[in-house]
Amino acid sequence: MLKIKVFDCEDERNLTDELNNFIENISKIDKEVIDIKYSTSIAIEDEELIYCYSALVMYDDKIVKEYNPKRYELLEKVEEE
């Protein structure tokens, strides 16, 4: 079943660290990241800038698929001039 986790930090380095730790931890329990949505916002409060860095991570159980590479044939070789 698809699940989500939301991260919200005041510093982009903290967000990066939290995301990396989360991805590392879920990979240990046979989960994989499907997608990450990233957002930033800025607010002003009492003449002070407040930054918000957030991310929504969608993850699910790992899907194991059999690898079947496609085969291609060389139909015509193009010579360089």
N, C-alpha and C. Protein backbone atom coordinates (compact mmCIF):
# COMPACT_ATOMS: atom_id res chain seq x y z
N MET A 1 0.84 -1.17 0.00
CA MET A 1 0.00 0.00 0.00
C MET A 1 0.89 1.25 0.00
N LEU A 2 0.56 2.20 -0.83
CA LEU A 2 1.31 3.44 -0.91
C LEU A 2 1.17 4.24 0.38
N LYS A 3 2.30 4.74 0.89
CA LYS A 3 2.29 5.54 2.11
C LYS A 3 3.02 6.84 1.85
N ILE A 4 2.78 7.83 2.71
CA ILE A 4 3.48 9.11 2.58
C ILE A 4 4.07 9.51 3.92
N LYS A 5 5.10 10.34 3.84
CA LYS A 5 5.70 10.95 5.03
C LYS A 5 6.05 12.38 4.65
N VAL A 6 5.71 13.31 5.53
CA VAL A 6 5.96 14.73 5.29
C VAL A 6 7.08 15.21 6.20
N PHE A 7 8.01 15.95 5.62
CA PHE A 7 9.13 16.54 6.36
C PHE A 7 9.01 18.05 6.26
N ASP A 8 9.34 18.75 7.35
CA ASP A 8 9.27 20.20 7.38
C ASP A 8 10.43 20.72 8.22
N CYS A 9 11.32 21.49 7.61
CA CYS A 9 12.51 21.99 8.32
C CYS A 9 12.73 23.46 8.01
N GLU A 10 13.43 24.13 8.90
CA GLU A 10 13.77 25.53 8.69
C GLU A 10 15.09 25.71 7.96
N ASP A 11 15.79 24.61 7.73
CA ASP A 11 17.10 24.67 7.08
C ASP A 11 17.15 23.55 6.05
N GLU A 12 17.63 23.87 4.84
CA GLU A 12 17.65 22.85 3.79
C GLU A 12 18.65 21.72 4.09
N ARG A 13 19.69 22.00 4.84
CA ARG A 13 20.63 20.93 5.22
C ARG A 13 19.95 19.91 6.14
N ASN A 14 19.15 20.43 7.08
CA ASN A 14 18.41 19.52 7.98
C ASN A 14 17.42 18.67 7.20
N LEU A 15 16.75 19.29 6.23
CA LEU A 15 15.81 18.53 5.41
C LEU A 15 16.53 17.45 4.63
N THR A 16 17.66 17.78 4.07
CA THR A 16 18.45 16.80 3.32
C THR A 16 18.87 15.64 4.21
N ASP A 17 19.34 15.95 5.41
CA ASP A 17 19.75 14.90 6.34
C ASP A 17 18.58 14.00 6.73
N GLU A 18 17.44 14.62 7.04
CA GLU A 18 16.27 13.84 7.42
C GLU A 18 15.78 12.95 6.28
N LEU A 19 15.77 13.49 5.07
CA LEU A 19 15.35 12.69 3.91
C LEU A 19 16.31 11.52 3.67
N ASN A 20 17.60 11.79 3.71
CA ASN A 20 18.58 10.73 3.50
C ASN A 20 18.47 9.64 4.56
N ASN A 21 18.28 10.02 5.80
CA ASN A 21 18.13 9.04 6.88
C ASN A 21 16.86 8.20 6.68
N PHE A 22 15.77 8.87 6.31
CA PHE A 22 14.52 8.15 6.09
C PHE A 22 14.65 7.16 4.94
N ILE A 23 15.23 7.60 3.83
CA ILE A 23 15.39 6.72 2.67
C ILE A 23 16.28 5.53 3.02
N GLU A 24 17.34 5.78 3.76
CA GLU A 24 18.23 4.70 4.18
C GLU A 24 17.48 3.70 5.07
N ASN A 25 16.68 4.20 6.00
CA ASN A 25 15.96 3.32 6.92
C ASN A 25 14.88 2.50 6.23
N ILE A 26 14.13 3.09 5.30
CA ILE A 26 13.08 2.31 4.65
C ILE A 26 13.65 1.27 3.70
N SER A 27 14.83 1.55 3.15
CA SER A 27 15.43 0.57 2.24
C SER A 27 15.86 -0.69 2.99
N LYS A 28 16.10 -0.56 4.28
CA LYS A 28 16.48 -1.72 5.10
C LYS A 28 15.30 -2.64 5.38
N ILE A 29 14.08 -2.12 5.22
CA ILE A 29 12.88 -2.93 5.51
C ILE A 29 12.08 -3.19 4.23
N ASP A 30 12.78 -3.31 3.12
CA ASP A 30 12.18 -3.64 1.82
C ASP A 30 11.10 -2.66 1.36
N LYS A 31 11.37 -1.40 1.54
CA LYS A 31 10.50 -0.34 1.01
C LYS A 31 11.32 0.47 0.02
N GLU A 32 10.63 1.16 -0.89
CA GLU A 32 11.34 2.01 -1.84
C GLU A 32 10.57 3.30 -2.06
N VAL A 33 11.31 4.35 -2.36
CA VAL A 33 10.72 5.65 -2.63
C VAL A 33 10.12 5.64 -4.03
N ILE A 34 8.88 6.08 -4.12
CA ILE A 34 8.20 6.19 -5.40
C ILE A 34 8.40 7.59 -5.98
N ASP A 35 8.25 8.60 -5.13
CA ASP A 35 8.38 9.99 -5.59
C ASP A 35 8.63 10.90 -4.40
N ILE A 36 9.24 12.05 -4.68
CA ILE A 36 9.44 13.08 -3.66
C ILE A 36 8.98 14.41 -4.24
N LYS A 37 8.12 15.10 -3.50
CA LYS A 37 7.66 16.44 -3.87
C LYS A 37 8.33 17.42 -2.90
N TYR A 38 8.94 18.46 -3.46
CA TYR A 38 9.72 19.40 -2.67
C TYR A 38 9.09 20.78 -2.76
N SER A 39 9.09 21.51 -1.66
CA SER A 39 8.49 22.84 -1.64
C SER A 39 9.27 23.76 -0.70
N THR A 40 9.30 25.03 -1.06
CA THR A 40 9.89 26.03 -0.17
C THR A 40 8.90 27.18 -0.02
N SER A 41 8.96 27.82 1.13
CA SER A 41 8.14 29.01 1.34
C SER A 41 8.87 29.96 2.27
N ILE A 42 8.50 31.22 2.16
CA ILE A 42 9.13 32.27 2.97
C ILE A 42 8.01 33.11 3.58
N ALA A 43 8.16 33.43 4.85
CA ALA A 43 7.21 34.31 5.53
C ALA A 43 8.00 35.39 6.25
N ILE A 44 7.34 36.50 6.49
CA ILE A 44 7.96 37.59 7.25
C ILE A 44 7.17 37.78 8.53
N GLU A 45 7.89 37.70 9.65
CA GLU A 45 7.26 37.91 10.95
C GLU A 45 8.13 38.85 11.75
N ASP A 46 7.59 39.98 12.15
CA ASP A 46 8.33 41.00 12.90
C ASP A 46 9.63 41.36 12.19
N GLU A 47 9.54 41.61 10.90
CA GLU A 47 10.66 41.99 10.04
C GLU A 47 11.75 40.93 9.97
N GLU A 48 11.42 39.69 10.29
CA GLU A 48 12.36 38.59 10.19
C GLU A 48 11.85 37.60 9.14
N LEU A 49 12.78 37.18 8.26
CA LEU A 49 12.42 36.19 7.25
C LEU A 49 12.42 34.80 7.87
N ILE A 50 11.36 34.05 7.61
CA ILE A 50 11.25 32.67 8.10
C ILE A 50 11.17 31.77 6.87
N TYR A 51 12.09 30.85 6.78
CA TYR A 51 12.13 29.92 5.65
C TYR A 51 11.54 28.58 6.07
N CYS A 52 10.86 27.95 5.13
CA CYS A 52 10.30 26.63 5.38
C CYS A 52 10.64 25.74 4.18
N TYR A 53 11.35 24.67 4.43
CA TYR A 53 11.71 23.69 3.40
C TYR A 53 10.95 22.41 3.74
N SER A 54 10.15 21.95 2.81
CA SER A 54 9.37 20.75 3.09
C SER A 54 9.41 19.78 1.92
N ALA A 55 9.15 18.52 2.26
CA ALA A 55 9.13 17.47 1.25
C ALA A 55 8.09 16.44 1.64
N LEU A 56 7.41 15.92 0.63
CA LEU A 56 6.48 14.83 0.81
C LEU A 56 7.08 13.62 0.09
N VAL A 57 7.26 12.54 0.83
CA VAL A 57 7.87 11.33 0.27
C VAL A 57 6.79 10.27 0.14
N MET A 58 6.64 9.74 -1.08
CA MET A 58 5.72 8.62 -1.30
C MET A 58 6.56 7.36 -1.40
N TYR A 59 6.17 6.33 -0.65
CA TYR A 59 6.94 5.09 -0.66
C TYR A 59 6.02 3.89 -0.58
N ASP A 60 6.55 2.74 -0.95
CA ASP A 60 5.75 1.52 -0.99
C ASP A 60 6.68 0.32 -0.85
N ASP A 61 6.09 -0.87 -0.78
CA ASP A 61 6.88 -2.10 -0.78
C ASP A 61 7.68 -2.18 -2.07
N LYS A 62 8.86 -2.78 -1.99
CA LYS A 62 9.68 -2.95 -3.19
C LYS A 62 8.97 -3.90 -4.14
N ILE A 63 9.01 -3.56 -5.41
CA ILE A 63 8.43 -4.40 -6.44
C ILE A 63 9.58 -5.06 -7.18
N VAL A 64 9.63 -6.36 -7.09
CA VAL A 64 10.70 -7.10 -7.75
C VAL A 64 10.17 -7.57 -9.10
N LYS A 65 10.81 -7.11 -10.15
CA LYS A 65 10.42 -7.51 -11.49
C LYS A 65 11.58 -8.25 -12.14
N GLU A 66 11.22 -9.19 -12.98
CA GLU A 66 12.25 -9.93 -13.71
C GLU A 66 12.82 -9.02 -14.79
N TYR A 67 14.11 -9.00 -14.88
CA TYR A 67 14.78 -8.15 -15.86
C TYR A 67 14.81 -8.84 -17.21
N ASN A 68 14.16 -8.25 -18.19
CA ASN A 68 14.16 -8.78 -19.56
C ASN A 68 14.66 -7.69 -20.50
N PRO A 69 15.94 -7.69 -20.78
CA PRO A 69 16.46 -6.63 -21.66
C PRO A 69 15.91 -6.77 -23.07
N LYS A 70 15.71 -5.64 -23.72
CA LYS A 70 15.25 -5.64 -25.11
C LYS A 70 16.45 -5.91 -26.01
N ARG A 71 16.18 -6.57 -27.09
CA ARG A 71 17.23 -6.87 -28.06
C ARG A 71 17.01 -6.00 -29.29
N TYR A 72 18.09 -5.42 -29.77
CA TYR A 72 18.02 -4.56 -30.94
C TYR A 72 18.95 -5.10 -32.01
N GLU A 73 18.57 -4.87 -33.25
CA GLU A 73 19.40 -5.28 -34.38
C GLU A 73 19.92 -4.04 -35.08
N LEU A 74 21.12 -4.15 -35.60
CA LEU A 74 21.71 -3.08 -36.37
C LEU A 74 21.21 -3.25 -37.80
N LEU A 75 20.41 -2.30 -38.27
CA LEU A 75 19.84 -2.40 -39.60
C LEU A 75 20.75 -1.79 -40.66
N GLU A 76 21.36 -0.70 -40.32
CA GLU A 76 22.20 -0.02 -41.29
C GLU A 76 23.24 0.82 -40.56
N LYS A 77 24.46 0.70 -40.96
CA LYS A 77 25.52 1.48 -40.35
C LYS A 77 25.68 2.76 -41.15
N VAL A 78 25.67 3.88 -40.44
CA VAL A 78 25.82 5.19 -41.10
C VAL A 78 27.27 5.61 -41.00
N GLU A 79 27.86 5.86 -42.13
CA GLU A 79 29.27 6.26 -42.19
C GLU A 79 29.37 7.77 -41.98
N GLU A 80 30.36 8.20 -41.24
CA GLU A 80 30.60 9.63 -41.07
C GLU A 80 31.29 10.17 -42.30
N GLU A 81 30.96 11.40 -42.65
CA GLU A 81 31.58 12.02 -43.83
C GLU A 81 32.86 12.71 -43.51
